PDB file of N, CA and C in Angstrom:
ATOM      1  N   LYS A   1     -66.129 -27.884 -30.719  1.00  0.00           N
ATOM      2  CA  LYS A   1     -66.071 -29.167 -30.033  1.00  0.00           C
ATOM      3  C   LYS A   1     -64.973 -29.108 -28.973  1.00  0.00           C
ATOM      4  N   PRO A   2     -65.288 -29.452 -27.727  1.00  0.00           N
ATOM      5  CA  PRO A   2     -64.273 -29.405 -26.669  1.00  0.00           C
ATOM      6  C   PRO A   2     -63.157 -30.418 -26.921  1.00  0.00           C
ATOM      7  N   GLN A   3     -61.945 -30.009 -26.609  1.00  0.00           N
ATOM      8  CA  GLN A   3     -60.784 -30.871 -26.826  1.00  0.00           C
ATOM      9  C   GLN A   3     -60.183 -31.388 -25.524  1.00  0.00           C
ATOM     10  N   GLY A   4     -60.449 -30.735 -24.410  1.00  0.00           N
ATOM     11  CA  GLY A   4     -59.845 -31.162 -23.152  1.00  0.00           C
ATOM     12  C   GLY A   4     -60.329 -30.307 -21.998  1.00  0.00           C
ATOM     13  N   VAL A   5     -59.576 -30.305 -20.939  1.00  0.00           N
ATOM     14  CA  VAL A   5     -59.913 -29.572 -19.730  1.00  0.00           C
ATOM     15  C   VAL A   5     -59.033 -28.333 -19.653  1.00  0.00           C
ATOM     16  N   CYS A   6     -59.603 -27.233 -19.196  1.00  0.00           N
ATOM     17  CA  CYS A   6     -58.811 -26.014 -19.046  1.00  0.00           C
ATOM     18  C   CYS A   6     -59.169 -25.339 -17.730  1.00  0.00           C
ATOM     19  N   ALA A   7     -58.366 -24.379 -17.345  1.00  0.00           N
ATOM     20  CA  ALA A   7     -58.605 -23.623 -16.116  1.00  0.00           C
ATOM     21  C   ALA A   7     -58.192 -22.182 -16.342  1.00  0.00           C
ATOM     22  N   ARG A   8     -58.903 -21.266 -15.718  1.00  0.00           N
ATOM     23  CA  ARG A   8     -58.520 -19.861 -15.783  1.00  0.00           C
ATOM     24  C   ARG A   8     -57.436 -19.623 -14.743  1.00  0.00           C
ATOM     25  N   VAL A   9     -56.338 -19.049 -15.191  1.00  0.00           N
ATOM     26  CA  VAL A   9     -55.194 -18.828 -14.314  1.00  0.00           C
ATOM     27  C   VAL A   9     -54.823 -17.359 -14.376  1.00  0.00           C
ATOM     28  N   ALA A  10     -54.647 -16.750 -13.221  1.00  0.00           N
ATOM     29  CA  ALA A  10     -54.266 -15.341 -13.155  1.00  0.00           C
ATOM     30  C   ALA A  10     -52.751 -15.206 -13.278  1.00  0.00           C
ATOM     31  N   ILE A  11     -52.306 -14.034 -13.683  1.00  0.00           N
ATOM     32  CA  ILE A  11     -50.877 -13.767 -13.769  1.00  0.00           C
ATOM     33  C   ILE A  11     -50.297 -13.777 -12.356  1.00  0.00           C
ATOM     34  N   GLY A  12     -49.217 -14.495 -12.168  1.00  0.00           N
ATOM     35  CA  GLY A  12     -48.584 -14.589 -10.854  1.00  0.00           C
ATOM     36  C   GLY A  12     -49.134 -15.695  -9.976  1.00  0.00           C
ATOM     37  N   GLN A  13     -50.127 -16.441 -10.451  1.00  0.00           N
ATOM     38  CA  GLN A  13     -50.720 -17.508  -9.661  1.00  0.00           C
ATOM     39  C   GLN A  13     -49.803 -18.728  -9.658  1.00  0.00           C
ATOM     40  N   VAL A  14     -49.727 -19.422  -8.532  1.00  0.00           N
ATOM     41  CA  VAL A  14     -48.902 -20.620  -8.408  1.00  0.00           C
ATOM     42  C   VAL A  14     -49.605 -21.764  -9.137  1.00  0.00           C
ATOM     43  N   LEU A  15     -48.883 -22.426 -10.043  1.00  0.00           N
ATOM     44  CA  LEU A  15     -49.448 -23.550 -10.786  1.00  0.00           C
ATOM     45  C   LEU A  15     -49.125 -24.883 -10.122  1.00  0.00           C
ATOM     46  N   LEU A  16     -47.891 -25.058  -9.679  1.00  0.00           N
ATOM     47  CA  LEU A  16     -47.454 -26.299  -9.046  1.00  0.00           C
ATOM     48  C   LEU A  16     -46.594 -25.989  -7.830  1.00  0.00           C
ATOM     49  N   SER A  17     -46.728 -26.806  -6.797  1.00  0.00           N
ATOM     50  CA  SER A  17     -45.840 -26.734  -5.637  1.00  0.00           C
ATOM     51  C   SER A  17     -45.306 -28.129  -5.380  1.00  0.00           C
ATOM     52  N   VAL A  18     -44.007 -28.234  -5.224  1.00  0.00           N
ATOM     53  CA  VAL A  18     -43.370 -29.525  -4.995  1.00  0.00           C
ATOM     54  C   VAL A  18     -42.533 -29.421  -3.733  1.00  0.00           C
ATOM     55  N   ARG A  19     -42.631 -30.429  -2.882  1.00  0.00           N
ATOM     56  CA  ARG A  19     -41.812 -30.479  -1.679  1.00  0.00           C
ATOM     57  C   ARG A  19     -40.923 -31.706  -1.774  1.00  0.00           C
ATOM     58  N   CYS A  20     -39.624 -31.519  -1.562  1.00  0.00           N
ATOM     59  CA  CYS A  20     -38.690 -32.648  -1.645  1.00  0.00           C
ATOM     60  C   CYS A  20     -37.517 -32.388  -0.713  1.00  0.00           C
ATOM     61  N   LYS A  21     -36.686 -33.398  -0.545  1.00  0.00           N
ATOM     62  CA  LYS A  21     -35.478 -33.247   0.255  1.00  0.00           C
ATOM     63  C   LYS A  21     -34.488 -32.368  -0.495  1.00  0.00           C
ATOM     64  N   ASP A  22     -33.589 -31.744   0.254  1.00  0.00           N
ATOM     65  CA  ASP A  22     -32.586 -30.883  -0.374  1.00  0.00           C
ATOM     66  C   ASP A  22     -31.689 -31.664  -1.329  1.00  0.00           C
ATOM     67  N   SER A  23     -31.467 -32.948  -1.039  1.00  0.00           N
ATOM     68  CA  SER A  23     -30.610 -33.751  -1.908  1.00  0.00           C
ATOM     69  C   SER A  23     -31.253 -33.997  -3.274  1.00  0.00           C
ATOM     70  N   ASN A  24     -32.584 -33.928  -3.349  1.00  0.00           N
ATOM     71  CA  ASN A  24     -33.294 -34.149  -4.612  1.00  0.00           C
ATOM     72  C   ASN A  24     -33.756 -32.853  -5.255  1.00  0.00           C
ATOM     73  N   SER A  25     -33.283 -31.741  -4.758  1.00  0.00           N
ATOM     74  CA  SER A  25     -33.719 -30.441  -5.256  1.00  0.00           C
ATOM     75  C   SER A  25     -33.418 -30.257  -6.737  1.00  0.00           C
ATOM     76  N   ASN A  26     -32.238 -30.670  -7.171  1.00  0.00           N
ATOM     77  CA  ASN A  26     -31.878 -30.508  -8.584  1.00  0.00           C
ATOM     78  C   ASN A  26     -32.786 -31.320  -9.494  1.00  0.00           C
ATOM     79  N   HIS A  27     -33.168 -32.527  -9.065  1.00  0.00           N
ATOM     80  CA  HIS A  27     -34.051 -33.364  -9.875  1.00  0.00           C
ATOM     81  C   HIS A  27     -35.444 -32.746  -9.976  1.00  0.00           C
ATOM     82  N   ALA A  28     -35.934 -32.187  -8.868  1.00  0.00           N
ATOM     83  CA  ALA A  28     -37.253 -31.557  -8.881  1.00  0.00           C
ATOM     84  C   ALA A  28     -37.254 -30.322  -9.773  1.00  0.00           C
ATOM     85  N   GLN A  29     -36.191 -29.535  -9.716  1.00  0.00           N
ATOM     86  CA  GLN A  29     -36.113 -28.345 -10.563  1.00  0.00           C
ATOM     87  C   GLN A  29     -36.065 -28.724 -12.037  1.00  0.00           C
ATOM     88  N   GLU A  30     -35.338 -29.772 -12.368  1.00  0.00           N
ATOM     89  CA  GLU A  30     -35.268 -30.223 -13.760  1.00  0.00           C
ATOM     90  C   GLU A  30     -36.621 -30.759 -14.226  1.00  0.00           C
ATOM     91  N   ALA A  31     -37.329 -31.476 -13.350  1.00  0.00           N
ATOM     92  CA  ALA A  31     -38.653 -31.985 -13.698  1.00  0.00           C
ATOM     93  C   ALA A  31     -39.625 -30.838 -13.951  1.00  0.00           C
ATOM     94  N   LEU A  32     -39.570 -29.803 -13.118  1.00  0.00           N
ATOM     95  CA  LEU A  32     -40.447 -28.646 -13.322  1.00  0.00           C
ATOM     96  C   LEU A  32     -40.055 -27.867 -14.571  1.00  0.00           C
ATOM     97  N   ARG A  33     -38.763 -27.796 -14.859  1.00  0.00           N
ATOM     98  CA  ARG A  33     -38.320 -27.105 -16.074  1.00  0.00           C
ATOM     99  C   ARG A  33     -38.869 -27.806 -17.313  1.00  0.00           C
ATOM    100  N   ARG A  34     -38.854 -29.128 -17.300  1.00  0.00           N
ATOM    101  CA  ARG A  34     -39.390 -29.873 -18.437  1.00  0.00           C
ATOM    102  C   ARG A  34     -40.910 -29.784 -18.499  1.00  0.00           C
ATOM    103  N   ALA A  35     -41.559 -29.728 -17.339  1.00  0.00           N
ATOM    104  CA  ALA A  35     -43.021 -29.654 -17.309  1.00  0.00           C
ATOM    105  C   ALA A  35     -43.530 -28.308 -17.799  1.00  0.00           C
ATOM    106  N   LYS A  36     -42.752 -27.247 -17.629  1.00  0.00           N
ATOM    107  CA  LYS A  36     -43.250 -25.928 -18.020  1.00  0.00           C
ATOM    108  C   LYS A  36     -43.396 -25.779 -19.527  1.00  0.00           C
ATOM    109  N   PHE A  37     -42.783 -26.682 -20.313  1.00  0.00           N
ATOM    110  CA  PHE A  37     -42.975 -26.648 -21.762  1.00  0.00           C
ATOM    111  C   PHE A  37     -44.372 -27.124 -22.154  1.00  0.00           C
ATOM    112  N   LYS A  38     -45.078 -27.774 -21.243  1.00  0.00           N
ATOM    113  CA  LYS A  38     -46.430 -28.258 -21.516  1.00  0.00           C
ATOM    114  C   LYS A  38     -47.479 -27.165 -21.328  1.00  0.00           C
ATOM    115  N   PHE A  39     -47.089 -26.030 -20.761  1.00  0.00           N
ATOM    116  CA  PHE A  39     -48.008 -24.929 -20.511  1.00  0.00           C
ATOM    117  C   PHE A  39     -47.693 -23.777 -21.450  1.00  0.00           C
ATOM    118  N   PRO A  40     -48.713 -23.095 -21.957  1.00  0.00           N
ATOM    119  CA  PRO A  40     -48.433 -21.920 -22.779  1.00  0.00           C
ATOM    120  C   PRO A  40     -47.931 -20.758 -21.923  1.00  0.00           C
ATOM    121  N   SER A  41     -47.295 -19.801 -22.553  1.00  0.00           N
ATOM    122  CA  SER A  41     -46.773 -18.591 -21.926  1.00  0.00           C
ATOM    123  C   SER A  41     -45.489 -18.908 -21.146  1.00  0.00           C
ATOM    124  N   HIS A  42     -45.093 -17.980 -20.274  1.00  0.00           N
ATOM    125  CA  HIS A  42     -43.836 -18.104 -19.540  1.00  0.00           C
ATOM    126  C   HIS A  42     -44.115 -18.507 -18.099  1.00  0.00           C
ATOM    127  N   GLN A  43     -43.270 -19.368 -17.571  1.00  0.00           N
ATOM    128  CA  GLN A  43     -43.353 -19.767 -16.174  1.00  0.00           C
ATOM    129  C   GLN A  43     -41.987 -19.597 -15.528  1.00  0.00           C
ATOM    130  N   LYS A  44     -42.012 -19.348 -14.231  1.00  0.00           N
ATOM    131  CA  LYS A  44     -40.782 -19.231 -13.455  1.00  0.00           C
ATOM    132  C   LYS A  44     -40.735 -20.372 -12.453  1.00  0.00           C
ATOM    133  N   ILE A  45     -39.543 -20.872 -12.213  1.00  0.00           N
ATOM    134  CA  ILE A  45     -39.332 -21.872 -11.171  1.00  0.00           C
ATOM    135  C   ILE A  45     -38.640 -21.163 -10.020  1.00  0.00           C
ATOM    136  N   ILE A  46     -39.305 -21.131  -8.882  1.00  0.00           N
ATOM    137  CA  ILE A  46     -38.799 -20.404  -7.722  1.00  0.00           C
ATOM    138  C   ILE A  46     -38.604 -21.392  -6.579  1.00  0.00           C
ATOM    139  N   VAL A  47     -37.415 -21.388  -5.994  1.00  0.00           N
ATOM    140  CA  VAL A  47     -37.130 -22.218  -4.821  1.00  0.00           C
ATOM    141  C   VAL A  47     -37.458 -21.380  -3.594  1.00  0.00           C
ATOM    142  N   SER A  48     -38.362 -21.888  -2.785  1.00  0.00           N
ATOM    143  CA  SER A  48     -38.841 -21.147  -1.624  1.00  0.00           C
ATOM    144  C   SER A  48     -37.788 -21.091  -0.525  1.00  0.00           C
ATOM    145  N   ARG A  49     -37.838 -20.023   0.263  1.00  0.00           N
ATOM    146  CA  ARG A  49     -36.962 -19.904   1.430  1.00  0.00           C
ATOM    147  C   ARG A  49     -37.627 -20.498   2.669  1.00  0.00           C
ATOM    148  N   LYS A  50     -38.851 -20.968   2.509  1.00  0.00           N
ATOM    149  CA  LYS A  50     -39.606 -21.540   3.628  1.00  0.00           C
ATOM    150  C   LYS A  50     -39.283 -23.019   3.783  1.00  0.00           C
ATOM    151  N   TRP A  51     -39.619 -23.572   4.949  1.00  0.00           N
ATOM    152  CA  TRP A  51     -39.411 -24.987   5.215  1.00  0.00           C
ATOM    153  C   TRP A  51     -40.674 -25.740   4.798  1.00  0.00           C
ATOM    154  N   GLY A  52     -40.581 -26.558   3.749  1.00  0.00           N
ATOM    155  CA  GLY A  52     -41.731 -27.324   3.273  1.00  0.00           C
ATOM    156  C   GLY A  52     -42.869 -26.407   2.875  1.00  0.00           C
ATOM    157  N   PHE A  53     -44.078 -26.728   3.323  1.00  0.00           N
ATOM    158  CA  PHE A  53     -45.237 -25.888   3.050  1.00  0.00           C
ATOM    159  C   PHE A  53     -45.586 -25.009   4.255  1.00  0.00           C
ATOM    160  N   THR A  54     -44.657 -24.861   5.204  1.00  0.00           N
ATOM    161  CA  THR A  54     -44.924 -24.040   6.381  1.00  0.00           C
ATOM    162  C   THR A  54     -44.697 -22.566   6.070  1.00  0.00           C
ATOM    163  N   LYS A  55     -45.032 -21.721   7.020  1.00  0.00           N
ATOM    164  CA  LYS A  55     -44.816 -20.282   6.857  1.00  0.00           C
ATOM    165  C   LYS A  55     -43.517 -19.822   7.503  1.00  0.00           C
ATOM    166  N   TYR A  56     -42.689 -20.770   7.961  1.00  0.00           N
ATOM    167  CA  TYR A  56     -41.457 -20.442   8.670  1.00  0.00           C
ATOM    168  C   TYR A  56     -40.245 -20.597   7.755  1.00  0.00           C
ATOM    169  N   SER A  57     -39.252 -19.714   7.920  1.00  0.00           N
ATOM    170  CA  SER A  57     -38.029 -19.811   7.118  1.00  0.00           C
ATOM    171  C   SER A  57     -37.209 -21.016   7.590  1.00  0.00           C
ATOM    172  N   ARG A  58     -36.301 -21.471   6.739  1.00  0.00           N
ATOM    173  CA  ARG A  58     -35.509 -22.667   7.050  1.00  0.00           C
ATOM    174  C   ARG A  58     -34.682 -22.529   8.331  1.00  0.00           C
ATOM    175  N   PRO A  59     -33.882 -21.442   8.488  1.00  0.00           N
ATOM    176  CA  PRO A  59     -33.084 -21.352   9.728  1.00  0.00           C
ATOM    177  C   PRO A  59     -33.949 -21.271  10.982  1.00  0.00           C
ATOM    178  N   ASP A  60     -35.063 -20.520  10.910  1.00  0.00           N
ATOM    179  CA  ASP A  60     -35.948 -20.412  12.069  1.00  0.00           C
ATOM    180  C   ASP A  60     -36.558 -21.764  12.411  1.00  0.00           C
ATOM    181  N   TYR A  61     -37.001 -22.505  11.403  1.00  0.00           N
ATOM    182  CA  TYR A  61     -37.625 -23.801  11.644  1.00  0.00           C
ATOM    183  C   TYR A  61     -36.648 -24.756  12.325  1.00  0.00           C
ATOM    184  N   ILE A  62     -35.418 -24.817  11.827  1.00  0.00           N
ATOM    185  CA  ILE A  62     -34.419 -25.725  12.407  1.00  0.00           C
ATOM    186  C   ILE A  62     -34.112 -25.332  13.850  1.00  0.00           C
ATOM    187  N   LYS A  63     -33.966 -24.020  14.096  1.00  0.00           N
ATOM    188  CA  LYS A  63     -33.670 -23.542  15.450  1.00  0.00           C
ATOM    189  C   LYS A  63     -34.834 -23.839  16.390  1.00  0.00           C
ATOM    190  N   TRP A  64     -36.051 -23.530  15.962  1.00  0.00           N
ATOM    191  CA  TRP A  64     -37.215 -23.737  16.817  1.00  0.00           C
ATOM    192  C   TRP A  64     -37.515 -25.216  17.027  1.00  0.00           C
ATOM    193  N   LYS A  65     -37.218 -26.051  16.035  1.00  0.00           N
ATOM    194  CA  LYS A  65     -37.435 -27.491  16.178  1.00  0.00           C
ATOM    195  C   LYS A  65     -36.498 -28.059  17.242  1.00  0.00           C
ATOM    196  N   SER A  66     -35.241 -27.578  17.274  1.00  0.00           N
ATOM    197  CA  SER A  66     -34.300 -28.057  18.294  1.00  0.00           C
ATOM    198  C   SER A  66     -34.695 -27.574  19.687  1.00  0.00           C
ATOM    199  N   GLU A  67     -35.386 -26.430  19.761  1.00  0.00           N
ATOM    200  CA  GLU A  67     -35.850 -25.895  21.043  1.00  0.00           C
ATOM    201  C   GLU A  67     -37.232 -26.421  21.417  1.00  0.00           C
ATOM    202  N   ASN A  68     -37.812 -27.302  20.601  1.00  0.00           N
ATOM    203  CA  ASN A  68     -39.160 -27.855  20.804  1.00  0.00           C
ATOM    204  C   ASN A  68     -40.231 -26.771  20.857  1.00  0.00           C
ATOM    205  N   ARG A  69     -40.048 -25.703  20.083  1.00  0.00           N
ATOM    206  CA  ARG A  69     -41.055 -24.642  20.009  1.00  0.00           C
ATOM    207  C   ARG A  69     -42.047 -24.885  18.878  1.00  0.00           C
ATOM    208  N   ILE A  70     -41.750 -25.855  18.002  1.00  0.00           N
ATOM    209  CA  ILE A  70     -42.616 -26.153  16.864  1.00  0.00           C
ATOM    210  C   ILE A  70     -43.130 -27.578  16.997  1.00  0.00           C
ATOM    211  N   ILE A  71     -44.416 -27.749  16.733  1.00  0.00           N
ATOM    212  CA  ILE A  71     -45.038 -29.070  16.766  1.00  0.00           C
ATOM    213  C   ILE A  71     -45.407 -29.446  15.337  1.00  0.00           C
ATOM    214  N   SER A  72     -44.957 -30.615  14.878  1.00  0.00           N
ATOM    215  CA  SER A  72     -45.319 -31.078  13.543  1.00  0.00           C
ATOM    216  C   SER A  72     -46.812 -31.374  13.501  1.00  0.00           C
ATOM    217  N   ASP A  73     -47.454 -30.984  12.403  1.00  0.00           N
ATOM    218  CA  ASP A  73     -48.897 -31.165  12.244  1.00  0.00           C
ATOM    219  C   ASP A  73     -49.160 -31.665  10.829  1.00  0.00           C
ATOM    220  N   GLY A  74     -48.753 -32.888  10.536  1.00  0.00           N
ATOM    221  CA  GLY A  74     -48.905 -33.431   9.189  1.00  0.00           C
ATOM    222  C   GLY A  74     -47.915 -32.776   8.246  1.00  0.00           C
ATOM    223  N   VAL A  75     -48.408 -32.097   7.205  1.00  0.00           N
ATOM    224  CA  VAL A  75     -47.519 -31.418   6.267  1.00  0.00           C
ATOM    225  C   VAL A  75     -47.223 -30.000   6.718  1.00  0.00           C
ATOM    226  N   ASN A  76     -47.819 -29.556   7.807  1.00  0.00           N
ATOM    227  CA  ASN A  76     -47.643 -28.198   8.293  1.00  0.00           C
ATOM    228  C   ASN A  76     -47.007 -28.242   9.680  1.00  0.00           C
ATOM    229  N   ALA A  77     -46.883 -27.100  10.314  1.00  0.00           N
ATOM    230  CA  ALA A  77     -46.319 -27.031  11.666  1.00  0.00           C
ATOM    231  C   ALA A  77     -47.029 -25.949  12.455  1.00  0.00           C
ATOM    232  N   LYS A  78     -47.101 -26.153  13.777  1.00  0.00           N
ATOM    233  CA  LYS A  78     -47.722 -25.168  14.666  1.00  0.00           C
ATOM    234  C   LYS A  78     -46.644 -24.522  15.511  1.00  0.00           C
TER     235      LYS A  78
END
């Protein structure tokens, strides 16, 4: 008898991504630490070096934003 919903997850696959301000980083990490007890096996909490969900690193994004080389595109950037 089915008990709930499940998903096949590969080793190394990202389960959750959270974007927040740097001032709330500690709260987000603590929330993810508590949430990982709800999943079987081991999980790692990794703080990205990228800016938000973009493919650009934090220093590059800040520098390029001041030079108007980056255009905001919703949650991403061009």
